[in-house]
């Protein structure tokens, strides 16, 4: 029995045995401490080297460069803000100047229209000046134009040549003449003669409707008194 046990232990089928070297515990702790210290030193060196590369290490030239760049950036931003403010002010001034120019242009157009109207009024009222050798009542101005097909606008200026004359009481009537469908055509005012009172002068204006196919070539105005007697007349060719 013993022989069998001994033979089993000495044979290939015997259990495996592991041979380990024995180190004292103090030596093991020293080795571990040395490895940890080396790792910590390596990590510290990597951290400091990274700070140097990023320019964050205090007292280095990179930090000064960063500060200088920050100062320049702040100055550039300030200059940009000033330039933007100047640009905004210039744009506002240009907009105000544009509005002022448009208003001036409108005023100029209004003044030109008013000047033209005043010239027409002046030319119209220049005929108010009394002329020698004329009858006591006269048609001093007659203006007529076809503003649109079938419509004629007219203006009449009737004047008494004397300041001591009594007020005139009478009527006026316009007659249109021309062609219609290739034939001679004449038309008086549809409303008939209209009343007219003249103390010194009287300005009359109105509109006369006529057939759209008619061509107006002449306009005549006649002024009569209350008895129908002709006192003044004037013709205008168109």
Protein backbone atom coordinates (compact mmCIF):
# COMPACT_ATOMS: atom_id res chain seq x y z
CA UNK A 1 0.00 0.00 0.00
CA UNK A 2 2.73 2.43 0.85
CA UNK A 3 4.55 1.38 -2.21
CA UNK A 4 1.58 2.24 -4.34
CA UNK A 5 1.28 5.66 -2.79
CA UNK A 6 4.95 6.32 -3.22
CA UNK A 7 4.80 5.11 -6.80
CA UNK A 8 1.84 7.40 -7.53
CA UNK A 9 3.64 10.42 -6.18
CA UNK A 10 6.73 9.69 -8.19
CA UNK A 11 4.90 8.91 -11.39
CA UNK A 12 3.69 11.28 -14.16
CA UNK A 13 0.23 11.28 -12.75
CA UNK A 14 1.44 12.84 -9.56
CA UNK A 15 -0.08 16.32 -8.62
CA UNK A 16 1.68 19.47 -9.99
CA UNK A 17 3.85 21.54 -7.73
CA UNK A 18 4.61 25.30 -8.17
CA UNK A 19 7.91 26.65 -6.96
CA UNK A 20 7.80 30.34 -6.03
CA UNK A 21 10.62 32.54 -4.93
CA UNK A 22 10.08 34.07 -1.58
CA UNK A 23 10.52 37.83 -1.03
CA UNK A 24 10.25 39.41 2.34
CA UNK A 25 7.25 41.78 2.84
CA UNK A 26 9.36 44.90 3.43
CA UNK A 27 11.10 44.39 0.11
CA UNK A 28 7.80 43.89 -1.67
CA UNK A 29 6.43 47.17 -0.23
CA UNK A 30 9.60 48.99 -1.28
CA UNK A 31 9.23 47.75 -4.87
CA UNK A 32 5.56 48.79 -4.97
CA UNK A 33 6.37 52.22 -3.53
CA UNK A 34 9.15 52.71 -6.07
CA UNK A 35 6.78 51.86 -8.95
CA UNK A 36 4.09 54.20 -7.68
CA UNK A 37 6.60 57.01 -7.22
CA UNK A 38 7.91 56.56 -10.73
CA UNK A 39 4.35 56.63 -12.14
CA UNK A 40 3.53 59.78 -10.18
CA UNK A 41 6.70 61.49 -11.39
CA UNK A 42 5.91 60.54 -14.95
CA UNK A 43 2.33 61.88 -14.63
CA UNK A 44 3.58 65.17 -13.10
CA UNK A 45 6.09 65.62 -15.90
CA UNK A 46 3.39 65.02 -18.52
CA UNK A 47 1.09 67.56 -16.82
CA UNK A 48 3.77 70.26 -16.66
CA UNK A 49 4.79 69.58 -20.23
CA UNK A 50 1.16 69.94 -21.33
CA UNK A 51 0.85 73.24 -19.51
CA UNK A 52 3.98 74.47 -21.26
CA UNK A 53 2.63 73.49 -24.67
CA UNK A 54 -0.75 75.19 -24.06
CA UNK A 55 0.88 78.42 -22.88
CA UNK A 56 -0.72 78.29 -19.44
CA UNK A 57 2.42 78.02 -17.40
CA UNK A 58 2.91 81.06 -15.28
CA UNK A 59 5.88 83.23 -15.94
CA UNK A 60 6.44 81.81 -19.43
CA UNK A 61 6.67 83.74 -22.68
CA UNK A 62 3.53 82.07 -24.00
CA UNK A 63 1.43 83.57 -21.20
CA UNK A 64 2.75 87.02 -22.02
CA UNK A 65 1.97 86.44 -25.66
CA UNK A 66 -1.57 85.41 -24.75
CA UNK A 67 -2.01 88.56 -22.67
CA UNK A 68 -0.71 90.71 -25.51
CA UNK A 69 -3.04 89.05 -27.99
CA UNK A 70 -5.97 89.53 -25.65
CA UNK A 71 -5.13 93.23 -25.32
CA UNK A 72 -4.90 93.58 -29.11
CA UNK A 73 -8.20 91.75 -29.51
CA UNK A 74 -9.89 94.08 -27.04
CA UNK A 75 -8.46 97.11 -28.90
CA UNK A 76 -9.63 95.73 -32.24
CA UNK A 77 -13.10 95.15 -30.84
CA UNK A 78 -13.20 98.70 -29.56
CA UNK A 79 -12.12 100.04 -32.96
CA UNK A 80 -14.72 97.85 -34.64
CA UNK A 81 -17.44 99.21 -32.34
CA UNK A 82 -16.35 102.79 -33.09
CA UNK A 83 -16.32 102.11 -36.84
CA UNK A 84 -19.76 100.49 -36.61
CA UNK A 85 -21.08 103.49 -34.69
CA UNK A 86 -19.65 105.87 -37.30
CA UNK A 87 -21.14 103.75 -40.09
CA UNK A 88 -24.56 103.77 -38.41
CA UNK A 89 -24.35 107.55 -37.95
CA UNK A 90 -23.34 108.02 -41.59
CA UNK A 91 -26.18 105.80 -42.75
CA UNK A 92 -28.65 107.76 -40.64
CA UNK A 93 -27.32 111.02 -42.05
CA UNK A 94 -27.56 109.69 -45.61
CA UNK A 95 -31.12 108.51 -44.98
CA UNK A 96 -32.07 111.90 -43.52
CA UNK A 97 -30.39 113.66 -46.46
CA UNK A 98 -32.26 111.44 -48.91
CA UNK A 99 -35.56 112.25 -47.23
CA UNK A 100 -34.69 115.95 -47.24
CA UNK A 101 -33.83 115.79 -50.96
CA UNK A 102 -37.13 114.08 -51.71
CA UNK A 103 -39.00 116.74 -49.76
CA UNK A 104 -37.08 119.48 -51.55
CA UNK A 105 -37.88 117.85 -54.90
CA UNK A 106 -41.56 117.76 -53.98
CA UNK A 107 -41.43 121.39 -52.90
CA UNK A 108 -39.69 122.33 -56.15
CA UNK A 109 -42.36 120.53 -58.17
CA UNK A 110 -45.09 122.24 -56.16
CA UNK A 111 -43.41 125.63 -56.65
CA UNK A 112 -43.05 125.01 -60.38
CA UNK A 113 -46.73 124.11 -60.63
CA UNK A 114 -47.66 127.17 -58.59
CA UNK A 115 -45.40 129.35 -60.73
CA UNK A 116 -47.03 128.02 -63.88
CA UNK A 117 -50.47 128.68 -62.43
CA UNK A 118 -49.41 132.21 -61.44
CA UNK A 119 -48.13 132.84 -64.93
CA UNK A 120 -51.45 131.73 -66.35
CA UNK A 121 -53.26 133.91 -63.83
CA UNK A 122 -51.00 136.85 -64.68
CA UNK A 123 -51.56 136.41 -68.39
CA UNK A 124 -55.27 136.13 -67.75
CA UNK A 125 -55.53 139.16 -65.50
CA UNK A 126 -53.24 141.31 -67.62
CA UNK A 127 -56.24 141.67 -69.84
CA UNK A 128 -57.99 143.49 -67.02
CA UNK A 129 -56.04 146.65 -67.83
CA UNK A 130 -58.44 149.10 -69.46
CA UNK A 131 -57.81 149.89 -73.10
CA UNK A 132 -58.78 153.11 -74.81
CA UNK A 133 -61.33 153.18 -77.59
CA UNK A 134 -63.21 150.07 -76.41
CA UNK A 135 -66.87 149.62 -75.58
CA UNK A 136 -67.99 149.89 -71.95
CA UNK A 137 -68.33 146.07 -71.78
CA UNK A 138 -65.90 143.66 -73.46
CA UNK A 139 -64.85 140.03 -73.41
CA UNK A 140 -61.17 140.45 -72.60
CA UNK A 141 -60.21 136.75 -72.60
CA UNK A 142 -61.58 133.47 -73.89
CA UNK A 143 -59.84 130.18 -73.31
CA UNK A 144 -61.22 126.76 -74.32
CA UNK A 145 -59.81 123.26 -74.75
CA UNK A 146 -61.14 119.75 -75.27
CA UNK A 147 -60.06 117.92 -72.15
CA UNK A 148 -61.50 114.55 -73.24
CA UNK A 149 -63.74 113.26 -76.01
CA UNK A 150 -67.13 114.91 -75.79
CA UNK A 151 -66.13 117.54 -73.20
CA UNK A 152 -64.87 121.11 -73.56
CA UNK A 153 -63.65 123.29 -70.69
CA UNK A 154 -63.80 127.08 -71.04
CA UNK A 155 -62.82 130.27 -69.21
CA UNK A 156 -64.18 133.75 -69.91
CA UNK A 157 -63.11 137.12 -68.61
CA UNK A 158 -65.66 139.92 -69.02
CA UNK A 159 -64.72 143.47 -68.03
CA UNK A 160 -66.35 146.88 -67.83
CA UNK A 161 -64.06 149.64 -69.10
CA UNK A 162 -64.83 152.21 -66.43
CA UNK A 163 -65.03 152.39 -62.67
CA UNK A 164 -68.08 154.61 -62.49
CA UNK A 165 -70.30 152.37 -64.59
CA UNK A 166 -73.22 150.62 -62.89
CA UNK A 167 -73.20 146.86 -62.48
CA UNK A 168 -74.00 145.06 -65.70
CA UNK A 169 -76.91 142.62 -65.69
CA UNK A 170 -77.20 140.29 -68.64
CA UNK A 171 -76.45 136.82 -70.01
CA UNK A 172 -73.67 134.97 -71.79
CA UNK A 173 -73.83 132.04 -74.19
CA UNK A 174 -71.19 129.86 -75.89
CA UNK A 175 -71.55 128.37 -79.37
CA UNK A 176 -69.42 125.48 -80.61
CA UNK A 177 -68.92 124.91 -84.32
CA UNK A 178 -67.06 122.31 -86.35
CA UNK A 179 -67.82 119.07 -88.16
CA UNK A 180 -69.81 115.96 -87.30
CA UNK A 181 -69.77 112.92 -89.58
CA UNK A 182 -68.19 115.00 -92.33
CA UNK A 183 -70.82 117.75 -92.15
CA UNK A 184 -70.91 121.21 -90.64
CA UNK A 185 -72.01 121.16 -87.04
CA UNK A 186 -73.03 123.83 -84.53
CA UNK A 187 -74.10 123.55 -80.90
CA UNK A 188 -75.00 126.09 -78.25
CA UNK A 189 -74.89 125.56 -74.51
CA UNK A 190 -77.33 122.77 -73.54
CA UNK A 191 -78.57 124.84 -70.59
CA UNK A 192 -79.12 127.90 -72.77
CA UNK A 193 -77.83 131.42 -71.97
CA UNK A 194 -76.56 131.82 -68.41
CA UNK A 195 -77.00 134.91 -66.18
CA UNK A 196 -74.05 137.28 -65.87
CA UNK A 197 -73.42 140.18 -63.47
CA UNK A 198 -70.32 142.32 -63.92
CA UNK A 199 -69.37 145.16 -61.60
CA UNK A 200 -65.81 145.71 -62.78
CA UNK A 201 -64.75 142.32 -64.08
CA UNK A 202 -66.09 138.80 -63.91
CA UNK A 203 -64.38 135.50 -64.52
CA UNK A 204 -66.56 132.59 -65.64
CA UNK A 205 -65.54 128.98 -66.25
CA UNK A 206 -67.36 125.75 -66.93
CA UNK A 207 -67.70 122.58 -69.02
CA UNK A 208 -69.82 121.92 -72.13
CA UNK A 209 -70.69 118.42 -73.31
CA UNK A 210 -70.92 117.68 -77.01
CA UNK A 211 -71.08 114.54 -79.22
CA UNK A 212 -67.87 112.53 -79.01
CA UNK A 213 -67.77 112.12 -82.80
CA UNK A 214 -67.82 115.91 -83.32
CA UNK A 215 -64.68 117.90 -84.05
CA UNK A 216 -64.75 121.36 -82.43
CA UNK A 217 -62.97 123.96 -84.54
CA UNK A 218 -64.27 127.24 -83.11
CA UNK A 219 -65.79 128.57 -79.89
CA UNK A 220 -67.73 131.84 -79.73
CA UNK A 221 -69.05 133.67 -76.67
CA UNK A 222 -71.82 136.30 -76.85
CA UNK A 223 -72.82 138.64 -74.01
CA UNK A 224 -76.26 140.24 -74.16
CA UNK A 225 -78.20 142.48 -71.82
CA UNK A 226 -81.56 141.62 -70.26
CA UNK A 227 -83.33 142.80 -73.41
CA UNK A 228 -81.28 140.47 -75.68
CA UNK A 229 -79.14 143.20 -77.22
CA UNK A 230 -75.58 142.15 -78.05
CA UNK A 231 -73.02 143.93 -75.85
CA UNK A 232 -69.80 141.96 -76.46
CA UNK A 233 -68.54 138.87 -78.23
CA UNK A 234 -65.33 137.05 -79.01
CA UNK A 235 -64.33 133.95 -81.00
CA UNK A 236 -61.52 131.40 -80.53
CA UNK A 237 -60.28 128.89 -83.08
CA UNK A 238 -59.07 125.54 -81.79
